[in-house]
Amino acid sequence: MTSVESCAPHHKSSRLLVALLVIPSVITIGRLPIFPTSRWLNEVVSLAGLPPGMQGHAEFVLFVPLSAVVVSFFRLTLGLPVLSLFRPILTAIGFRIIGIPWGLAFLAAVLGSVVLVKPLLKDAHYYVRVPLLLSLTAAFLVVPMVVDKRWHVEMFRHFARFPIICLALICEGFTKILNDKGLRAAMWPTVNMVAAAILITLLARIPGALHLLIGYPEVLFMQGGVILVISKYLDLQLFANRNPFMPKAPAAPAPPASPATANLRAVGE
């Protein structure tokens, strides 16, 4: 491969990075009241004039790319496995629906049941294992509905709103690692996924954060630029291959001394 060919992807990614950061910055600056473009840009670019029902949907759309930035930071900068890109984002959506404490308790109950049925799923085909997990997760959502119908407990009503696809994907990823590498290996990416989801949820709860994104949707492109910055300059993998749930490997024994070395030690003594 020639040097020109090897540099081409780098130049293209650099141009894309500059475009993603500079163009939305210019738009945002042009919306300041001191510029003549302010009124026009604020009318054309902003989503603040959407009907109330659509604003909620717009907040959700803008929430997902922000979540992806957090997951990229966890995976690339910190080097923490997170059970894929979308599972932390979907988990954060679940936490926004039922709250972080109850969400953690609910996930612990679901994953605990997965551990219990692991012997029944270990050698099952993918198209047997995953449908069974889907049935199991659906049952965890149906039971709260039954309890709420009988006793009208609002807490269980919240549990029933946890996204079923999120639960199914978490269980599927968790079970795959559980079967291949064991419980200790499965716990680490699951804990990291939950930590990323909690951080995403807390960021979304910052007063006015999502509303600010509606007013300045050009920030979406800046988020893409931030992801490229993480990829180019912050791909540090700080905690890669450091699973605290795994036992530490025993220290390798020292190699036996050669006869010559043993003779030299004897002479020295």
Protein backbone atom coordinates (compact mmCIF):
# COMPACT_ATOMS: atom_id res chain seq x y z
CA MET A 1 0.00 0.00 0.00
CA THR A 2 1.38 3.41 -0.94
CA SER A 3 1.74 6.24 1.54
CA VAL A 4 -0.95 8.23 -0.29
CA GLU A 5 -3.44 5.37 0.07
CA SER A 6 -2.63 4.93 3.74
CA CYS A 7 -3.13 8.64 4.44
CA ALA A 8 -6.41 8.97 2.54
CA PRO A 9 -8.71 7.56 5.26
CA HIS A 10 -6.98 9.77 7.83
CA HIS A 11 -7.51 12.91 5.74
CA LYS A 12 -11.15 11.99 5.09
CA SER A 13 -11.87 11.43 8.78
CA SER A 14 -10.11 14.70 9.62
CA ARG A 15 -12.23 16.63 7.14
CA LEU A 16 -15.37 14.99 8.49
CA LEU A 17 -14.33 15.85 12.06
CA VAL A 18 -13.78 19.51 11.14
CA ALA A 19 -17.10 19.67 9.31
CA LEU A 20 -19.03 18.11 12.21
CA LEU A 21 -17.56 20.58 14.70
CA VAL A 22 -17.24 23.77 12.66
CA ILE A 23 -20.51 23.84 10.68
CA PRO A 24 -22.86 23.48 13.69
CA SER A 25 -20.68 25.93 15.64
CA VAL A 26 -21.11 28.50 12.85
CA ILE A 27 -24.88 27.90 12.86
CA THR A 28 -25.05 28.31 16.64
CA ILE A 29 -23.01 31.52 16.54
CA GLY A 30 -25.16 32.82 13.69
CA ARG A 31 -28.21 32.45 15.91
CA LEU A 32 -26.88 34.96 18.46
CA PRO A 33 -28.93 38.19 18.58
CA ILE A 34 -25.96 40.32 17.52
CA PHE A 35 -25.95 38.80 14.02
CA PRO A 36 -28.46 39.62 11.25
CA THR A 37 -28.96 35.89 10.61
CA SER A 38 -30.29 35.35 14.14
CA ARG A 39 -34.01 35.65 13.45
CA TRP A 40 -33.97 33.54 10.30
CA LEU A 41 -31.83 30.75 11.78
CA ASN A 42 -33.88 30.60 14.98
CA GLU A 43 -37.04 30.17 12.94
CA VAL A 44 -35.64 27.60 10.52
CA VAL A 45 -33.31 25.49 12.69
CA SER A 46 -34.99 25.38 16.09
CA LEU A 47 -37.52 22.66 16.98
CA ALA A 48 -38.96 24.69 19.86
CA GLY A 49 -42.14 25.41 17.92
CA LEU A 50 -43.18 21.77 17.66
CA PRO A 51 -46.55 20.70 19.13
CA PRO A 52 -46.22 19.38 22.70
CA GLY A 53 -46.76 15.79 21.62
CA MET A 54 -44.03 15.99 19.00
CA GLN A 55 -41.62 17.67 21.41
CA GLY A 56 -41.55 14.54 23.55
CA HIS A 57 -40.72 12.46 20.50
CA ALA A 58 -38.05 14.97 19.43
CA GLU A 59 -36.45 14.79 22.88
CA PHE A 60 -36.29 11.00 22.54
CA VAL A 61 -34.69 11.24 19.08
CA LEU A 62 -32.08 13.71 20.35
CA PHE A 63 -31.52 11.64 23.49
CA VAL A 64 -30.22 8.60 21.58
CA PRO A 65 -27.13 10.20 19.94
CA LEU A 66 -26.19 11.80 23.27
CA SER A 67 -26.38 8.34 24.81
CA ALA A 68 -24.12 6.96 22.07
CA VAL A 69 -21.43 9.49 23.04
CA VAL A 70 -21.49 8.16 26.60
CA VAL A 71 -21.27 4.54 25.45
CA SER A 72 -18.37 5.36 23.09
CA PHE A 73 -16.55 7.01 25.99
CA PHE A 74 -17.06 3.93 28.17
CA ARG A 75 -15.92 1.52 25.45
CA LEU A 76 -13.04 3.45 23.84
CA THR A 77 -11.62 5.79 26.47
CA LEU A 78 -12.24 3.67 29.55
CA GLY A 79 -11.94 0.36 27.71
CA LEU A 80 -14.96 -1.12 29.50
CA PRO A 81 -17.10 -3.77 27.75
CA VAL A 82 -20.79 -2.81 27.80
CA LEU A 83 -22.69 -5.66 26.07
CA SER A 84 -22.85 -3.72 22.76
CA LEU A 85 -23.73 -0.15 21.82
CA PHE A 86 -27.52 -0.25 22.06
CA ARG A 87 -28.11 -2.20 25.28
CA PRO A 88 -26.93 0.64 27.59
CA ILE A 89 -29.09 3.13 25.66
CA LEU A 90 -32.17 0.91 25.87
CA THR A 91 -31.49 0.30 29.56
CA ALA A 92 -31.31 4.05 30.14
CA ILE A 93 -34.72 4.37 28.48
CA GLY A 94 -36.02 1.76 30.91
CA PHE A 95 -34.50 3.65 33.84
CA ARG A 96 -36.18 6.85 32.67
CA ILE A 97 -39.52 5.04 32.70
CA ILE A 98 -39.39 3.28 36.09
CA GLY A 99 -36.52 5.05 37.87
CA ILE A 100 -32.97 3.94 38.59
CA PRO A 101 -33.43 2.15 41.96
CA TRP A 102 -36.43 0.09 40.85
CA GLY A 103 -34.79 -0.50 37.48
CA LEU A 104 -31.72 -1.94 39.17
CA ALA A 105 -33.86 -4.20 41.36
CA PHE A 106 -35.88 -5.36 38.37
CA LEU A 107 -32.77 -6.14 36.29
CA ALA A 108 -31.23 -8.03 39.22
CA ALA A 109 -34.35 -10.19 39.51
CA VAL A 110 -34.48 -10.91 35.78
CA LEU A 111 -30.77 -11.73 35.44
CA GLY A 112 -30.88 -13.81 38.62
CA SER A 113 -33.59 -15.95 37.08
CA VAL A 114 -31.45 -16.31 33.94
CA VAL A 115 -28.62 -17.69 36.07
CA LEU A 116 -31.01 -20.20 37.63
CA VAL A 117 -32.22 -21.54 34.27
CA LYS A 118 -28.74 -21.52 32.72
CA PRO A 119 -28.34 -25.34 32.87
CA LEU A 120 -31.47 -25.70 30.74
CA LEU A 121 -30.24 -23.27 28.07
CA LYS A 122 -26.54 -24.08 27.86
CA ASP A 123 -26.62 -26.42 24.88
CA ALA A 124 -29.76 -25.04 23.27
CA HIS A 125 -29.79 -23.73 19.72
CA TYR A 126 -29.85 -19.94 19.29
CA TYR A 127 -33.42 -20.05 17.96
CA VAL A 128 -34.43 -22.05 21.02
CA ARG A 129 -32.45 -20.13 23.65
CA VAL A 130 -33.49 -16.64 22.58
CA PRO A 131 -37.25 -17.37 22.25
CA LEU A 132 -37.15 -18.99 25.69
CA LEU A 133 -35.46 -15.91 27.11
CA LEU A 134 -38.04 -13.73 25.40
CA SER A 135 -40.82 -15.74 27.04
CA LEU A 136 -39.08 -15.44 30.40
CA THR A 137 -38.68 -11.68 30.14
CA ALA A 138 -42.27 -11.31 28.96
CA ALA A 139 -43.36 -13.20 32.05
CA PHE A 140 -41.49 -10.72 34.22
CA LEU A 141 -43.54 -7.95 32.62
CA VAL A 142 -46.86 -9.80 32.81
CA VAL A 143 -46.59 -10.66 36.51
CA PRO A 144 -46.55 -6.97 37.57
CA MET A 145 -49.65 -6.41 35.42
CA VAL A 146 -51.44 -9.23 37.23
CA VAL A 147 -50.38 -7.87 40.63
CA ASP A 148 -51.46 -4.34 39.70
CA LYS A 149 -54.81 -5.59 38.42
CA ARG A 150 -55.45 -7.44 41.68
CA TRP A 151 -54.07 -4.99 44.27
CA HIS A 152 -53.60 -1.73 42.27
CA VAL A 153 -49.97 -1.24 43.25
CA GLU A 154 -48.52 1.61 41.23
CA MET A 155 -44.93 0.37 41.64
CA PHE A 156 -45.72 -2.84 39.73
CA ARG A 157 -47.39 -0.76 37.02
CA HIS A 158 -44.03 0.93 36.42
CA PHE A 159 -42.27 -2.45 36.15
CA ALA A 160 -44.65 -3.50 33.40
CA ARG A 161 -43.55 -0.51 31.30
CA PHE A 162 -39.89 -1.59 31.15
CA PRO A 163 -39.08 -2.09 27.41
CA ILE A 164 -39.36 -5.80 26.65
CA ILE A 165 -36.86 -5.66 23.78
CA CYS A 166 -34.33 -4.13 26.16
CA LEU A 167 -34.81 -6.93 28.68
CA ALA A 168 -34.60 -9.59 25.97
CA LEU A 169 -31.37 -8.15 24.51
CA ILE A 170 -29.76 -7.83 27.94
CA CYS A 171 -30.67 -11.41 28.83
CA GLU A 172 -29.45 -12.69 25.46
CA GLY A 173 -26.06 -10.94 25.74
CA PHE A 174 -25.67 -11.90 29.39
CA THR A 175 -26.56 -15.55 28.71
CA LYS A 176 -24.16 -15.83 25.78
CA ILE A 177 -21.19 -14.76 27.91
CA LEU A 178 -22.51 -16.81 30.84
CA ASN A 179 -22.52 -19.98 28.72
CA ASP A 180 -19.19 -19.30 27.02
CA LYS A 181 -17.08 -17.90 29.86
CA GLY A 182 -18.99 -18.22 33.11
CA LEU A 183 -20.75 -15.92 35.58
CA ARG A 184 -17.70 -13.84 36.54
CA ALA A 185 -17.02 -12.94 32.92
CA ALA A 186 -20.69 -12.09 32.31
CA MET A 187 -20.99 -9.82 35.34
CA TRP A 188 -18.34 -7.28 34.30
CA PRO A 189 -19.83 -6.06 30.99
CA THR A 190 -23.30 -6.16 32.55
CA VAL A 191 -22.21 -3.93 35.44
CA ASN A 192 -20.53 -1.55 32.98
CA MET A 193 -23.67 -1.47 30.85
CA VAL A 194 -25.74 -0.54 33.90
CA ALA A 195 -23.22 2.15 34.92
CA ALA A 196 -23.34 3.69 31.44
CA ALA A 197 -27.16 3.58 31.51
CA ILE A 198 -27.22 5.32 34.90
CA LEU A 199 -24.90 8.06 33.63
CA ILE A 200 -27.05 8.55 30.52
CA THR A 201 -30.18 8.76 32.67
CA LEU A 202 -28.62 11.33 35.00
CA LEU A 203 -27.49 13.46 32.04
CA ALA A 204 -31.02 13.39 30.64
CA ARG A 205 -32.33 14.55 34.02
CA ILE A 206 -30.25 17.72 34.03
CA PRO A 207 -32.86 20.50 34.06
CA GLY A 208 -33.32 21.90 30.57
CA ALA A 209 -30.76 19.56 28.94
CA LEU A 210 -33.13 17.88 26.48
CA HIS A 211 -35.05 21.11 25.95
CA LEU A 212 -31.76 22.78 25.01
CA LEU A 213 -31.21 20.10 22.39
CA ILE A 214 -34.64 20.86 20.94
CA GLY A 215 -33.75 24.52 20.70
CA TYR A 216 -30.35 23.76 19.15
CA PRO A 217 -30.68 20.53 17.14
CA GLU A 218 -27.46 21.34 15.26
CA VAL A 219 -25.73 19.99 18.37
CA LEU A 220 -26.50 16.56 16.92
CA PHE A 221 -23.68 17.06 14.42
CA MET A 222 -21.37 18.21 17.20
CA GLN A 223 -22.07 14.95 19.00
CA GLY A 224 -20.87 13.10 15.91
CA GLY A 225 -17.73 15.21 16.03
CA VAL A 226 -17.23 14.35 19.70
CA ILE A 227 -17.41 10.65 18.84
CA LEU A 228 -14.70 11.15 16.19
CA VAL A 229 -12.59 13.05 18.74
CA ILE A 230 -12.92 10.12 21.12
CA SER A 231 -11.94 7.73 18.33
CA LYS A 232 -8.91 9.76 17.16
CA TYR A 233 -7.51 11.15 20.40
CA LEU A 234 -9.15 9.45 23.38
CA ASP A 235 -9.07 5.77 22.41
CA LEU A 236 -7.04 5.06 25.57
CA GLN A 237 -8.57 1.74 26.74
CA LEU A 238 -7.66 2.71 30.32
CA PHE A 239 -9.26 -0.28 32.04
CA ALA A 240 -9.22 -2.85 29.25
CA ASN A 241 -8.92 -6.49 30.35
CA ARG A 242 -9.35 -5.58 34.02
CA ASN A 243 -12.31 -7.58 35.24
CA PRO A 244 -12.42 -7.26 39.06
CA PHE A 245 -14.80 -10.23 39.26
CA MET A 246 -12.21 -12.59 37.80
CA PRO A 247 -9.66 -14.18 40.17
CA LYS A 248 -6.14 -12.92 39.75
CA ALA A 249 -3.90 -15.23 37.79
CA PRO A 250 -1.21 -16.82 39.96
CA ALA A 251 2.27 -15.49 39.45
CA ALA A 252 4.29 -17.54 36.99
CA PRO A 253 6.98 -19.64 38.69
CA ALA A 254 10.55 -18.57 38.10
CA PRO A 255 12.31 -20.61 35.42
CA PRO A 256 14.74 -23.23 36.76
CA ALA A 257 18.33 -22.08 36.89
CA SER A 258 20.69 -23.49 34.32
CA PRO A 259 23.65 -25.60 35.56
CA ALA A 260 26.06 -22.76 34.76
CA THR A 261 23.99 -20.27 36.77
CA ALA A 262 23.76 -22.71 39.68
CA ASN A 263 27.57 -23.13 39.69
CA LEU A 264 28.08 -19.37 39.68
CA ARG A 265 25.71 -18.98 42.64
CA ALA A 266 27.55 -21.71 44.51
CA VAL A 267 30.88 -19.99 43.90
CA GLY A 268 29.44 -16.67 45.05
CA GLU A 269 28.17 -18.20 48.28
